[in-house]
């Protein structure tokens, strides 16, 4: 994977918003504004590079931390997490398996690993 910083002039489809070192925003800012600012930052730093499937890229960037945080909040209880997320338990488990297959997250911190299943 090509890890990028805000100072580098090129982006790849495998780079993540985390790779761009977006400054932390005020936590009181609505989620939609955080996403808006992150996407704006990404678009402003594209340069001449073509982008495809921006929607899929952003959804992949958001989904994993969303699931991780909800599972952490529910202390790993997949039934509660799936209800909070509006997903079936089967869909949640498929997503968990996918993310565990893909390996570590953007920061690879041990405390960010997906919690073990509890029902």
N, C-alpha and C. Protein backbone atom coordinates (compact mmCIF):
# COMPACT_ATOMS: atom_id res chain seq x y z
N UNK A 1 0.84 -1.18 0.00
CA UNK A 1 0.00 0.00 0.00
C UNK A 1 0.88 1.23 0.00
N UNK A 2 0.48 2.22 -0.74
CA UNK A 2 1.23 3.46 -0.82
C UNK A 2 0.73 4.41 0.25
N UNK A 3 1.50 4.61 1.31
CA UNK A 3 1.09 5.53 2.38
C UNK A 3 1.48 6.95 2.00
N UNK A 4 0.54 7.85 2.17
CA UNK A 4 0.72 9.22 1.71
C UNK A 4 0.64 10.19 2.87
N UNK A 5 1.24 11.33 2.67
CA UNK A 5 1.07 12.44 3.60
C UNK A 5 0.47 13.60 2.84
N UNK A 6 0.01 14.60 3.55
CA UNK A 6 -0.60 15.76 2.90
C UNK A 6 0.41 16.48 2.02
N UNK A 7 1.70 16.33 2.30
CA UNK A 7 2.71 17.02 1.52
C UNK A 7 3.00 16.34 0.19
N UNK A 8 2.67 15.04 0.06
CA UNK A 8 2.96 14.34 -1.18
C UNK A 8 1.92 14.73 -2.23
N UNK A 9 2.34 14.74 -3.48
CA UNK A 9 1.48 15.27 -4.53
C UNK A 9 0.57 14.23 -5.17
N UNK A 10 0.77 12.93 -4.91
CA UNK A 10 -0.06 11.95 -5.59
C UNK A 10 -0.86 11.13 -4.60
N UNK A 11 -2.01 10.65 -5.08
CA UNK A 11 -2.88 9.78 -4.30
C UNK A 11 -3.13 8.53 -5.11
N UNK A 12 -3.40 7.44 -4.42
CA UNK A 12 -3.77 6.21 -5.11
C UNK A 12 -5.11 5.76 -4.59
N UNK A 13 -5.73 4.84 -5.31
CA UNK A 13 -7.03 4.33 -4.88
C UNK A 13 -6.90 3.51 -3.60
N UNK A 14 -5.69 3.07 -3.24
CA UNK A 14 -5.52 2.29 -2.02
C UNK A 14 -5.18 3.16 -0.82
N UNK A 15 -4.98 4.46 -1.02
CA UNK A 15 -4.70 5.31 0.12
C UNK A 15 -5.98 5.51 0.92
N UNK A 16 -5.83 5.86 2.18
CA UNK A 16 -6.99 6.09 3.03
C UNK A 16 -6.97 7.53 3.49
N UNK A 17 -8.12 7.99 3.96
CA UNK A 17 -8.19 9.35 4.48
C UNK A 17 -7.25 9.49 5.66
N UNK A 18 -7.07 8.43 6.45
CA UNK A 18 -6.14 8.46 7.58
C UNK A 18 -4.71 8.70 7.10
N UNK A 19 -4.37 8.15 5.93
CA UNK A 19 -3.04 8.34 5.36
C UNK A 19 -2.75 9.81 5.05
N UNK A 20 -3.79 10.60 4.88
CA UNK A 20 -3.62 11.99 4.50
C UNK A 20 -3.38 12.90 5.69
N UNK A 21 -3.39 12.36 6.88
CA UNK A 21 -3.14 13.12 8.11
C UNK A 21 -4.05 14.34 8.21
N UNK A 22 -5.34 14.08 8.13
CA UNK A 22 -6.32 15.15 8.27
C UNK A 22 -6.31 15.60 9.72
N UNK A 23 -6.21 16.91 9.95
CA UNK A 23 -6.19 17.38 11.33
C UNK A 23 -7.47 16.99 12.05
N UNK A 24 -7.34 16.67 13.33
CA UNK A 24 -8.50 16.32 14.14
C UNK A 24 -9.43 17.52 14.24
N UNK A 25 -10.70 17.25 14.07
CA UNK A 25 -11.69 18.31 14.13
C UNK A 25 -12.29 18.37 15.51
N UNK A 26 -12.92 19.47 15.80
CA UNK A 26 -13.63 19.65 17.06
C UNK A 26 -14.65 18.52 17.20
N UNK A 27 -14.63 17.84 18.32
CA UNK A 27 -15.53 16.70 18.52
C UNK A 27 -17.00 17.10 18.62
N UNK A 28 -17.28 18.38 18.77
CA UNK A 28 -18.68 18.81 18.82
C UNK A 28 -19.24 19.02 17.42
N UNK A 29 -18.39 18.91 16.41
CA UNK A 29 -18.83 19.08 15.03
C UNK A 29 -19.70 17.88 14.62
N UNK A 30 -20.82 18.12 13.94
CA UNK A 30 -21.67 17.00 13.51
C UNK A 30 -20.90 16.06 12.58
N UNK A 31 -21.25 14.79 12.63
CA UNK A 31 -20.59 13.77 11.82
C UNK A 31 -20.62 14.14 10.34
N UNK A 32 -21.73 14.66 9.86
CA UNK A 32 -21.82 15.02 8.44
C UNK A 32 -20.77 16.07 8.07
N UNK A 33 -20.45 16.98 8.99
CA UNK A 33 -19.44 17.99 8.71
C UNK A 33 -18.03 17.38 8.73
N UNK A 34 -17.81 16.42 9.61
CA UNK A 34 -16.52 15.72 9.62
C UNK A 34 -16.29 15.01 8.29
N UNK A 35 -17.32 14.32 7.80
CA UNK A 35 -17.21 13.62 6.51
C UNK A 35 -17.03 14.63 5.39
N UNK A 36 -17.82 15.69 5.41
CA UNK A 36 -17.72 16.73 4.37
C UNK A 36 -16.30 17.29 4.31
N UNK A 37 -15.73 17.63 5.46
CA UNK A 37 -14.38 18.19 5.51
C UNK A 37 -13.33 17.19 5.04
N UNK A 38 -13.48 15.93 5.42
CA UNK A 38 -12.52 14.90 5.01
C UNK A 38 -12.57 14.68 3.49
N UNK A 39 -13.78 14.61 2.93
CA UNK A 39 -13.92 14.41 1.49
C UNK A 39 -13.41 15.64 0.74
N UNK A 40 -13.72 16.82 1.24
CA UNK A 40 -13.23 18.04 0.60
C UNK A 40 -11.70 18.05 0.58
N UNK A 41 -11.09 17.70 1.70
CA UNK A 41 -9.63 17.64 1.80
C UNK A 41 -9.07 16.65 0.77
N UNK A 42 -9.67 15.47 0.70
CA UNK A 42 -9.24 14.45 -0.25
C UNK A 42 -9.33 14.96 -1.68
N UNK A 43 -10.46 15.57 -2.03
CA UNK A 43 -10.66 16.07 -3.40
C UNK A 43 -9.70 17.20 -3.74
N UNK A 44 -9.41 18.06 -2.78
CA UNK A 44 -8.50 19.17 -3.02
C UNK A 44 -7.07 18.70 -3.26
N UNK A 45 -6.73 17.50 -2.79
CA UNK A 45 -5.37 17.00 -2.92
C UNK A 45 -5.23 15.92 -3.99
N UNK A 46 -6.22 15.78 -4.85
CA UNK A 46 -6.17 14.78 -5.92
C UNK A 46 -5.19 15.13 -7.02
N UNK A 47 -5.05 16.41 -7.30
CA UNK A 47 -4.21 16.78 -8.43
C UNK A 47 -4.84 16.29 -9.71
N UNK A 48 -4.01 15.69 -10.59
CA UNK A 48 -4.47 15.21 -11.89
C UNK A 48 -4.95 13.77 -11.87
N UNK A 49 -4.97 13.14 -10.70
CA UNK A 49 -5.27 11.73 -10.62
C UNK A 49 -6.76 11.44 -10.78
N UNK A 50 -7.06 10.44 -11.60
CA UNK A 50 -8.43 10.02 -11.81
C UNK A 50 -8.92 9.24 -10.59
N UNK A 51 -10.17 9.37 -10.28
CA UNK A 51 -10.77 8.67 -9.16
C UNK A 51 -11.98 7.92 -9.65
N UNK A 52 -12.10 6.69 -9.19
CA UNK A 52 -13.28 5.89 -9.49
C UNK A 52 -13.80 5.30 -8.20
N UNK A 53 -15.07 5.11 -8.11
CA UNK A 53 -15.73 4.50 -6.95
C UNK A 53 -15.44 5.26 -5.66
N UNK A 54 -15.53 6.57 -5.71
CA UNK A 54 -15.32 7.37 -4.51
C UNK A 54 -16.33 7.00 -3.43
N UNK A 55 -17.55 6.72 -3.83
CA UNK A 55 -18.58 6.32 -2.87
C UNK A 55 -18.16 5.05 -2.13
N UNK A 56 -17.74 4.04 -2.86
CA UNK A 56 -17.28 2.79 -2.24
C UNK A 56 -16.09 3.01 -1.33
N UNK A 57 -15.15 3.85 -1.77
CA UNK A 57 -13.97 4.16 -0.98
C UNK A 57 -14.36 4.77 0.37
N UNK A 58 -15.23 5.76 0.34
CA UNK A 58 -15.64 6.42 1.59
C UNK A 58 -16.42 5.46 2.47
N UNK A 59 -17.30 4.67 1.89
CA UNK A 59 -18.08 3.72 2.69
C UNK A 59 -17.17 2.70 3.38
N UNK A 60 -16.13 2.23 2.66
CA UNK A 60 -15.19 1.28 3.28
C UNK A 60 -14.42 1.94 4.41
N UNK A 61 -14.08 3.20 4.25
CA UNK A 61 -13.33 3.93 5.28
C UNK A 61 -14.18 4.15 6.53
N UNK A 62 -15.47 4.30 6.37
CA UNK A 62 -16.35 4.62 7.49
C UNK A 62 -16.87 3.36 8.18
N UNK A 63 -17.16 2.32 7.41
CA UNK A 63 -17.85 1.16 7.97
C UNK A 63 -17.07 0.44 9.06
N UNK A 64 -15.81 0.18 8.84
CA UNK A 64 -15.04 -0.58 9.84
C UNK A 64 -14.97 0.12 11.19
N UNK A 65 -14.57 1.41 11.24
CA UNK A 65 -14.54 2.05 12.55
C UNK A 65 -15.93 2.17 13.18
N UNK A 66 -16.98 2.31 12.37
CA UNK A 66 -18.33 2.34 12.90
C UNK A 66 -18.64 1.02 13.62
N UNK A 67 -18.37 -0.08 12.95
CA UNK A 67 -18.63 -1.40 13.54
C UNK A 67 -17.76 -1.61 14.78
N UNK A 68 -16.49 -1.23 14.70
CA UNK A 68 -15.59 -1.39 15.86
C UNK A 68 -16.09 -0.61 17.07
N UNK A 69 -16.50 0.61 16.85
CA UNK A 69 -16.95 1.45 17.97
C UNK A 69 -18.25 0.93 18.57
N UNK A 70 -19.18 0.49 17.73
CA UNK A 70 -20.45 -0.03 18.25
C UNK A 70 -20.20 -1.33 18.99
N UNK A 71 -19.34 -2.20 18.47
CA UNK A 71 -19.02 -3.43 19.19
C UNK A 71 -18.33 -3.14 20.52
N UNK A 72 -17.46 -2.15 20.53
CA UNK A 72 -16.83 -1.75 21.79
C UNK A 72 -17.87 -1.23 22.78
N UNK A 73 -18.81 -0.43 22.29
CA UNK A 73 -19.86 0.12 23.14
C UNK A 73 -20.73 -0.99 23.73
N UNK A 74 -21.00 -2.03 22.92
CA UNK A 74 -21.84 -3.14 23.39
C UNK A 74 -21.01 -4.24 24.04
N UNK A 75 -19.74 -3.96 24.27
CA UNK A 75 -18.81 -4.90 24.89
C UNK A 75 -18.77 -6.22 24.12
N UNK A 76 -18.79 -6.12 22.79
CA UNK A 76 -18.66 -7.28 21.92
C UNK A 76 -19.94 -8.05 21.69
N UNK A 77 -21.06 -7.58 22.20
CA UNK A 77 -22.32 -8.28 22.04
C UNK A 77 -22.85 -8.03 20.62
N UNK A 78 -22.75 -9.03 19.78
CA UNK A 78 -23.13 -8.88 18.38
C UNK A 78 -24.62 -8.69 18.19
N UNK A 79 -25.44 -9.28 19.04
CA UNK A 79 -26.89 -9.09 18.93
C UNK A 79 -27.25 -7.63 19.15
N UNK A 80 -26.72 -7.03 20.21
CA UNK A 80 -26.99 -5.62 20.49
C UNK A 80 -26.39 -4.73 19.41
N UNK A 81 -25.15 -5.04 18.99
CA UNK A 81 -24.49 -4.24 17.97
C UNK A 81 -25.26 -4.28 16.66
N UNK A 82 -25.71 -5.45 16.25
CA UNK A 82 -26.45 -5.54 14.99
C UNK A 82 -27.75 -4.76 15.07
N UNK A 83 -28.41 -4.78 16.23
CA UNK A 83 -29.64 -4.01 16.39
C UNK A 83 -29.34 -2.51 16.30
N UNK A 84 -28.27 -2.06 16.95
CA UNK A 84 -27.90 -0.64 16.91
C UNK A 84 -27.55 -0.21 15.49
N UNK A 85 -26.86 -1.07 14.76
CA UNK A 85 -26.41 -0.74 13.40
C UNK A 85 -27.52 -0.88 12.36
N UNK A 86 -28.60 -1.58 12.73
CA UNK A 86 -29.67 -1.82 11.75
C UNK A 86 -29.30 -2.89 10.75
N UNK A 87 -28.43 -3.81 11.18
CA UNK A 87 -27.99 -4.93 10.34
C UNK A 87 -28.49 -6.23 10.95
N UNK A 88 -28.66 -7.24 10.13
CA UNK A 88 -28.94 -8.56 10.70
C UNK A 88 -27.66 -9.09 11.33
N UNK A 89 -27.77 -9.99 12.27
CA UNK A 89 -26.58 -10.58 12.87
C UNK A 89 -25.74 -11.30 11.82
N UNK A 90 -26.40 -11.91 10.86
CA UNK A 90 -25.68 -12.61 9.79
C UNK A 90 -24.84 -11.63 8.99
N UNK A 91 -25.41 -10.49 8.64
CA UNK A 91 -24.66 -9.48 7.88
C UNK A 91 -23.50 -8.94 8.70
N UNK A 92 -23.75 -8.67 9.99
CA UNK A 92 -22.67 -8.19 10.85
C UNK A 92 -21.54 -9.21 10.92
N UNK A 93 -21.89 -10.47 11.08
CA UNK A 93 -20.85 -11.51 11.16
C UNK A 93 -20.06 -11.62 9.85
N UNK A 94 -20.72 -11.46 8.72
CA UNK A 94 -20.02 -11.49 7.44
C UNK A 94 -19.03 -10.33 7.34
N UNK A 95 -19.46 -9.16 7.79
CA UNK A 95 -18.58 -7.99 7.77
C UNK A 95 -17.41 -8.18 8.73
N UNK A 96 -17.66 -8.74 9.90
CA UNK A 96 -16.59 -9.01 10.86
C UNK A 96 -15.58 -9.99 10.27
N UNK A 97 -16.06 -11.02 9.63
CA UNK A 97 -15.17 -12.01 9.02
C UNK A 97 -14.33 -11.35 7.92
N UNK A 98 -14.95 -10.49 7.12
CA UNK A 98 -14.24 -9.79 6.06
C UNK A 98 -13.13 -8.93 6.64
N UNK A 99 -13.45 -8.13 7.66
CA UNK A 99 -12.45 -7.23 8.24
C UNK A 99 -11.36 -8.00 8.96
N UNK A 100 -11.69 -9.13 9.58
CA UNK A 100 -10.66 -9.92 10.23
C UNK A 100 -9.75 -10.58 9.20
N UNK A 101 -10.32 -10.94 8.04
CA UNK A 101 -9.52 -11.50 6.95
C UNK A 101 -8.58 -10.46 6.37
N UNK A 102 -9.06 -9.22 6.29
CA UNK A 102 -8.24 -8.14 5.73
C UNK A 102 -7.12 -7.72 6.66
N UNK A 103 -7.20 -8.07 7.91
CA UNK A 103 -6.14 -7.73 8.86
C UNK A 103 -6.39 -6.42 9.55
N UNK A 104 -5.30 -5.81 10.03
CA UNK A 104 -5.37 -4.61 10.87
C UNK A 104 -5.99 -3.43 10.17
N UNK A 105 -6.42 -2.47 10.99
CA UNK A 105 -7.03 -1.24 10.51
C UNK A 105 -5.96 -0.23 10.11
N UNK A 106 -6.38 1.00 9.92
CA UNK A 106 -5.48 2.05 9.45
C UNK A 106 -4.35 2.31 10.43
N UNK A 107 -4.64 2.19 11.73
CA UNK A 107 -3.58 2.48 12.70
C UNK A 107 -2.97 1.22 13.31
N UNK A 108 -3.55 0.05 13.04
CA UNK A 108 -3.05 -1.23 13.53
C UNK A 108 -2.80 -1.26 15.03
N UNK A 109 -3.45 -0.42 15.79
CA UNK A 109 -3.28 -0.42 17.24
C UNK A 109 -3.99 -1.63 17.82
N UNK A 110 -3.35 -2.33 18.78
CA UNK A 110 -3.96 -3.54 19.33
C UNK A 110 -5.32 -3.30 19.95
N UNK A 111 -5.53 -2.14 20.58
CA UNK A 111 -6.81 -1.89 21.23
C UNK A 111 -7.92 -1.58 20.24
N UNK A 112 -7.61 -1.49 18.96
CA UNK A 112 -8.61 -1.20 17.95
C UNK A 112 -9.10 -2.48 17.26
N UNK A 113 -8.56 -3.64 17.66
CA UNK A 113 -8.99 -4.88 17.04
C UNK A 113 -10.45 -5.13 17.35
N UNK A 114 -11.12 -5.84 16.47
CA UNK A 114 -12.52 -6.14 16.68
C UNK A 114 -12.68 -7.03 17.91
N UNK A 115 -13.65 -6.73 18.77
CA UNK A 115 -13.89 -7.57 19.94
C UNK A 115 -14.32 -8.96 19.53
N UNK A 116 -14.07 -9.92 20.39
CA UNK A 116 -14.49 -11.29 20.14
C UNK A 116 -16.01 -11.38 20.28
N UNK A 117 -16.58 -12.36 19.61
CA UNK A 117 -18.03 -12.52 19.58
C UNK A 117 -18.57 -12.84 20.96
N UNK A 118 -19.66 -12.16 21.31
CA UNK A 118 -20.43 -12.46 22.52
C UNK A 118 -21.88 -12.24 22.16
N UNK A 119 -22.73 -13.17 22.50
CA UNK A 119 -24.17 -13.00 22.25
C UNK A 119 -24.96 -13.12 23.51
